[in-house]
N, C-alpha and C. Protein backbone atom coordinates (compact mmCIF):
# COMPACT_ATOMS: atom_id res chain seq x y z
N MET A 1 49.85 43.38 9.38
CA MET A 1 49.63 43.33 10.89
C MET A 1 48.73 42.20 10.66
N ILE A 2 49.15 41.39 12.19
CA ILE A 2 48.36 39.93 12.32
C ILE A 2 46.59 40.21 12.73
N SER A 3 45.96 39.47 12.56
CA SER A 3 44.67 39.51 13.08
C SER A 3 44.49 39.87 14.50
N HIS A 4 45.01 39.07 15.51
CA HIS A 4 44.97 39.40 17.01
C HIS A 4 45.92 41.53 17.08
N GLU A 5 46.61 41.20 16.72
CA GLU A 5 46.98 43.21 16.49
C GLU A 5 46.05 43.85 16.16
N ILE A 6 45.18 43.22 14.76
CA ILE A 6 44.11 44.21 14.28
C ILE A 6 43.49 44.79 15.30
N PHE A 7 42.75 43.09 16.03
CA PHE A 7 41.89 43.33 16.94
C PHE A 7 41.77 44.00 18.10
N LEU A 8 43.16 44.14 18.57
CA LEU A 8 43.53 45.07 19.93
C LEU A 8 43.41 46.58 19.34
N LYS A 9 44.02 46.61 18.37
CA LYS A 9 44.23 47.95 17.72
C LYS A 9 42.86 48.72 17.61
N ALA A 10 41.59 47.85 17.52
CA ALA A 10 40.19 48.33 17.22
C ALA A 10 39.38 48.84 18.49
N ILE A 11 39.90 47.77 19.29
CA ILE A 11 39.34 47.83 21.00
C ILE A 11 39.95 49.05 21.49
N ASN A 12 41.35 49.60 21.20
CA ASN A 12 42.08 50.29 22.06
C ASN A 12 41.49 51.97 21.47
N GLU A 13 41.26 52.00 19.77
CA GLU A 13 40.75 53.43 19.34
C GLU A 13 39.53 53.40 18.96
N LYS A 14 38.61 52.15 19.37
CA LYS A 14 37.30 52.22 19.29
C LYS A 14 36.49 52.22 18.00
N TRP A 15 37.53 51.02 16.97
CA TRP A 15 36.93 50.95 15.62
C TRP A 15 36.05 49.83 15.47
N ILE A 16 34.94 50.23 14.66
CA ILE A 16 34.13 48.74 14.29
C ILE A 16 35.12 48.34 13.21
N VAL A 17 34.96 46.89 12.90
CA VAL A 17 35.30 46.01 11.89
C VAL A 17 34.70 45.39 11.84
N ALA A 18 34.94 44.68 10.04
CA ALA A 18 34.60 43.62 9.32
C ALA A 18 35.57 42.19 9.66
N VAL A 19 34.77 41.72 10.00
CA VAL A 19 35.06 39.91 10.18
C VAL A 19 34.54 39.00 9.29
N VAL A 20 35.20 38.12 8.98
CA VAL A 20 35.51 37.13 8.35
C VAL A 20 35.42 35.78 8.95
N PHE A 21 34.66 34.97 9.50
CA PHE A 21 34.76 33.41 9.87
C PHE A 21 34.04 32.54 9.75
N ASN A 22 34.46 31.27 10.19
CA ASN A 22 33.96 29.94 9.51
C ASN A 22 33.03 29.37 10.74
N SER A 23 31.56 29.49 10.21
CA SER A 23 30.92 29.64 11.36
C SER A 23 30.60 27.77 11.06
N VAL A 24 30.59 27.19 11.97
CA VAL A 24 30.09 25.44 11.79
C VAL A 24 29.20 25.12 11.38
N GLU A 25 28.08 25.69 11.71
CA GLU A 25 26.64 25.66 11.42
C GLU A 25 26.38 26.23 9.75
N LYS A 26 26.92 27.37 9.45
CA LYS A 26 26.59 28.12 8.59
C LYS A 26 27.99 28.55 7.32
N GLY A 27 28.61 27.62 7.58
CA GLY A 27 29.77 28.08 6.78
C GLY A 27 30.97 29.67 7.22
N ILE A 28 31.30 29.74 5.75
CA ILE A 28 32.20 31.64 6.03
C ILE A 28 30.84 32.22 6.01
N ILE A 29 31.17 33.35 6.55
CA ILE A 29 30.25 34.45 7.19
C ILE A 29 31.15 35.56 7.01
N LYS A 30 30.54 36.90 7.00
CA LYS A 30 31.03 38.04 6.68
C LYS A 30 30.32 39.15 7.71
N ARG A 31 30.53 39.94 8.96
CA ARG A 31 30.11 40.61 9.53
C ARG A 31 30.46 41.86 9.81
N LYS A 32 29.74 42.80 9.93
CA LYS A 32 30.15 44.11 10.55
C LYS A 32 30.12 44.13 12.21
N CYS A 33 31.03 44.29 12.92
CA CYS A 33 30.92 44.10 14.54
C CYS A 33 31.50 44.97 15.41
N VAL A 34 31.30 45.03 16.62
CA VAL A 34 31.83 45.92 17.42
C VAL A 34 33.01 44.97 18.26
N PRO A 35 34.58 45.51 18.32
CA PRO A 35 35.20 44.60 19.20
C PRO A 35 34.99 44.74 20.72
N TYR A 36 35.01 43.36 21.36
CA TYR A 36 34.45 43.48 22.64
C TYR A 36 35.78 42.90 23.77
N ASP A 37 36.48 42.11 23.42
CA ASP A 37 37.23 41.56 24.54
C ASP A 37 38.01 39.94 23.52
N PHE A 38 38.65 39.28 24.31
CA PHE A 38 39.53 38.16 23.71
C PHE A 38 39.90 37.37 25.13
N GLY A 39 39.03 36.25 25.30
CA GLY A 39 39.85 35.36 26.60
C GLY A 39 38.26 34.34 26.41
N PRO A 40 38.45 33.96 27.51
CA PRO A 40 37.60 32.80 27.82
C PRO A 40 36.17 33.11 27.70
N SER A 41 35.18 32.18 27.26
CA SER A 41 33.72 32.56 27.23
C SER A 41 33.21 32.19 28.33
N ARG A 42 31.79 32.78 29.00
CA ARG A 42 31.02 32.02 30.19
C ARG A 42 30.05 31.45 29.85
N ARG A 43 29.21 31.89 28.34
CA ARG A 43 28.19 30.89 27.46
C ARG A 43 28.86 29.29 27.07
N PHE A 44 30.32 29.56 26.53
CA PHE A 44 30.45 27.67 26.61
C PHE A 44 31.13 27.34 27.35
N ASN A 45 31.74 27.78 28.63
CA ASN A 45 32.33 27.70 29.90
C ASN A 45 33.71 26.34 29.71
N ASP A 46 34.70 26.76 28.52
CA ASP A 46 35.38 25.72 28.47
C ASP A 46 36.76 25.73 28.20
N GLY A 47 36.65 26.98 28.85
CA GLY A 47 38.05 27.75 29.28
C GLY A 47 38.97 27.98 27.84
N LEU A 48 38.23 28.01 26.81
CA LEU A 48 39.75 28.13 25.44
C LEU A 48 39.00 29.74 25.24
N ASN A 49 40.13 30.17 24.76
CA ASN A 49 40.01 32.12 24.32
C ASN A 49 39.12 31.96 23.14
N ARG A 50 38.76 33.27 23.30
CA ARG A 50 37.71 33.49 21.81
C ARG A 50 38.11 34.77 21.80
N TYR A 51 37.83 35.70 20.54
CA TYR A 51 37.13 36.51 20.02
C TYR A 51 35.73 36.79 20.56
N HIS A 52 35.42 37.39 20.93
CA HIS A 52 34.31 38.36 21.60
C HIS A 52 34.02 39.66 20.57
N PHE A 53 32.49 39.67 20.06
CA PHE A 53 31.97 40.63 19.20
C PHE A 53 30.77 40.92 19.49
N ASN A 54 30.60 42.06 19.26
CA ASN A 54 28.86 42.54 18.96
C ASN A 54 28.68 42.37 17.51
N ASP A 55 27.88 41.50 16.90
CA ASP A 55 27.34 41.67 15.73
C ASP A 55 26.48 42.43 15.04
N LEU A 56 26.69 43.31 14.39
CA LEU A 56 25.89 44.61 14.33
C LEU A 56 24.95 44.32 12.71
N GLU A 57 24.96 43.27 12.52
CA GLU A 57 24.34 42.73 10.95
C GLU A 57 23.31 41.44 11.25
N ASN A 58 23.78 41.23 12.03
CA ASN A 58 22.52 39.45 12.43
C ASN A 58 21.22 39.85 12.03
N PRO A 59 21.06 39.84 11.26
CA PRO A 59 18.85 39.53 10.69
C PRO A 59 18.32 39.55 12.14
N LYS A 60 18.73 38.82 13.12
CA LYS A 60 17.50 39.02 14.01
C LYS A 60 18.05 40.17 15.28
N GLY A 61 18.86 41.07 14.97
CA GLY A 61 19.16 41.96 15.50
C GLY A 61 20.66 42.27 16.35
N PRO A 62 21.35 42.77 16.72
CA PRO A 62 22.76 43.06 17.64
C PRO A 62 22.97 41.65 18.21
N HIS A 63 23.86 40.70 18.01
CA HIS A 63 23.95 39.42 18.67
C HIS A 63 25.37 39.28 19.43
N ASN A 64 25.57 39.08 20.07
CA ASN A 64 26.96 38.37 20.69
C ASN A 64 27.74 37.72 19.48
N LEU A 65 28.76 37.48 19.36
CA LEU A 65 29.68 36.65 18.49
C LEU A 65 31.02 35.99 19.57
N SER A 66 31.23 34.46 19.88
CA SER A 66 32.34 34.25 20.12
C SER A 66 32.86 33.43 19.04
N ILE A 67 34.22 33.97 18.56
CA ILE A 67 34.61 33.21 17.67
C ILE A 67 36.42 32.43 18.06
N LEU A 68 36.30 31.34 18.21
CA LEU A 68 37.67 30.85 18.06
C LEU A 68 38.70 31.26 16.90
N PRO A 69 39.97 31.19 17.81
CA PRO A 69 41.20 31.82 16.74
C PRO A 69 41.42 30.90 15.70
N GLU A 70 41.05 30.03 15.33
CA GLU A 70 41.68 29.02 14.24
C GLU A 70 40.48 29.08 13.35
N ASN A 71 38.96 29.36 14.12
CA ASN A 71 37.79 29.77 13.08
C ASN A 71 37.70 31.54 12.31
N LEU A 72 38.83 32.37 12.81
CA LEU A 72 38.73 33.57 12.84
C LEU A 72 39.35 33.69 11.49
N ARG A 73 39.12 34.12 9.63
CA ARG A 73 39.49 34.09 8.72
C ARG A 73 40.37 35.54 8.74
N HIS A 74 39.95 37.08 8.68
CA HIS A 74 40.33 37.59 8.55
C HIS A 74 39.45 39.15 9.29
N ILE A 75 40.09 39.72 9.38
CA ILE A 75 39.50 41.30 10.38
C ILE A 75 40.33 42.32 9.79
N GLN A 76 39.56 43.30 9.36
CA GLN A 76 39.45 44.95 8.97
C GLN A 76 39.02 45.76 9.84
N ILE A 77 39.92 46.87 10.18
CA ILE A 77 39.40 47.72 10.66
C ILE A 77 38.44 49.09 9.66
N LEU A 78 37.14 49.30 9.68
CA LEU A 78 36.77 50.12 8.90
C LEU A 78 36.65 51.50 9.34
N ASP A 79 36.18 51.91 8.54
CA ASP A 79 36.22 53.76 8.59
C ASP A 79 35.06 54.50 9.75
N GLU A 80 34.81 53.83 10.50
CA GLU A 80 33.39 53.85 11.78
C GLU A 80 33.90 53.47 13.41
N LYS A 81 34.02 54.54 13.55
CA LYS A 81 33.93 54.12 15.08
C LYS A 81 32.58 53.91 16.27
N PHE A 82 32.93 53.54 17.46
CA PHE A 82 31.76 53.22 18.34
C PHE A 82 31.57 54.03 19.34
N GLU A 83 31.05 54.30 20.10
CA GLU A 83 30.61 54.39 21.66
C GLU A 83 30.67 53.32 22.43
N PRO A 84 31.29 53.24 23.21
CA PRO A 84 31.11 51.89 24.44
C PRO A 84 29.50 51.83 25.05
N LYS A 85 29.73 53.40 25.19
CA LYS A 85 27.87 53.61 25.97
C LYS A 85 26.78 53.08 25.29
N ASP A 86 26.75 52.96 23.81
CA ASP A 86 26.12 52.65 22.66
C ASP A 86 26.00 50.86 22.99
N PHE A 87 26.81 50.20 23.79
CA PHE A 87 27.06 48.61 23.70
C PHE A 87 27.31 48.19 24.99
N VAL A 88 27.12 48.35 25.82
CA VAL A 88 28.10 48.16 26.93
C VAL A 88 26.98 48.43 28.01
N HIS A 89 26.17 47.57 28.36
CA HIS A 89 24.72 48.07 29.27
C HIS A 89 25.26 46.86 30.62
N TRP A 90 26.64 46.72 30.60
CA TRP A 90 26.67 45.64 32.02
C TRP A 90 27.90 46.04 32.75
N LYS A 91 28.06 45.49 34.08
CA LYS A 91 29.67 45.86 34.92
C LYS A 91 30.64 45.00 33.82
N PRO A 92 31.36 45.22 32.99
CA PRO A 92 32.20 44.40 32.34
C PRO A 92 33.64 44.39 33.19
N ARG A 93 34.03 42.70 33.10
CA ARG A 93 35.19 42.50 33.42
C ARG A 93 36.06 41.79 32.29
N TRP A 94 36.71 42.56 31.35
CA TRP A 94 37.28 42.52 30.48
C TRP A 94 38.83 41.91 30.70
N CYS A 95 38.79 40.96 29.54
CA CYS A 95 40.58 40.30 29.82
C CYS A 95 41.07 41.35 29.01
N VAL A 96 41.19 41.66 28.24
CA VAL A 96 42.18 42.83 27.19
C VAL A 96 42.01 44.24 27.79
N PRO A 97 42.66 45.17 28.68
CA PRO A 97 42.27 46.12 28.98
C PRO A 97 42.38 46.90 28.01
N ARG A 98 41.85 48.10 28.28
CA ARG A 98 41.44 49.21 27.81
C ARG A 98 40.89 50.58 28.48
N ASP A 99 40.87 51.36 27.32
CA ASP A 99 40.70 52.71 28.30
C ASP A 99 39.46 53.51 27.67
N TRP A 100 38.40 52.70 28.22
CA TRP A 100 36.41 52.96 27.45
C TRP A 100 35.97 53.89 29.06
N GLY A 101 37.28 54.58 29.82
CA GLY A 101 36.33 55.43 30.95
C GLY A 101 35.69 54.22 31.73
N ILE A 102 34.41 54.78 31.87
CA ILE A 102 33.62 53.79 33.34
C ILE A 102 32.95 52.49 32.63
N TYR A 103 33.48 52.53 30.94
CA TYR A 103 33.33 50.86 30.77
C TYR A 103 34.24 49.96 30.37
N SER A 104 35.52 50.36 31.14
CA SER A 104 36.29 49.64 31.05
C SER A 104 36.47 48.55 31.77
């Protein structure tokens, strides 16, 4: 399965994932994350699609990650689920459709 299919499966089945990506500032990084969405970023506002995650292992606490497809090296579904209510604290406008109840 390619990374994008794994990402979509993780969103739809609410799996936490391990991601390995190339950070421009810090090189190769591995993190445990909640998958959020795939699409343009409001933060970068450049129209490029990115993989969006909640980084659960950031030393400064949970942190949003937006990773360009060419920088995502590996994604693996972990044996751990998440509850959207624990992470989604805004009215979402997802690009990727999902059935997360009121968090969809």
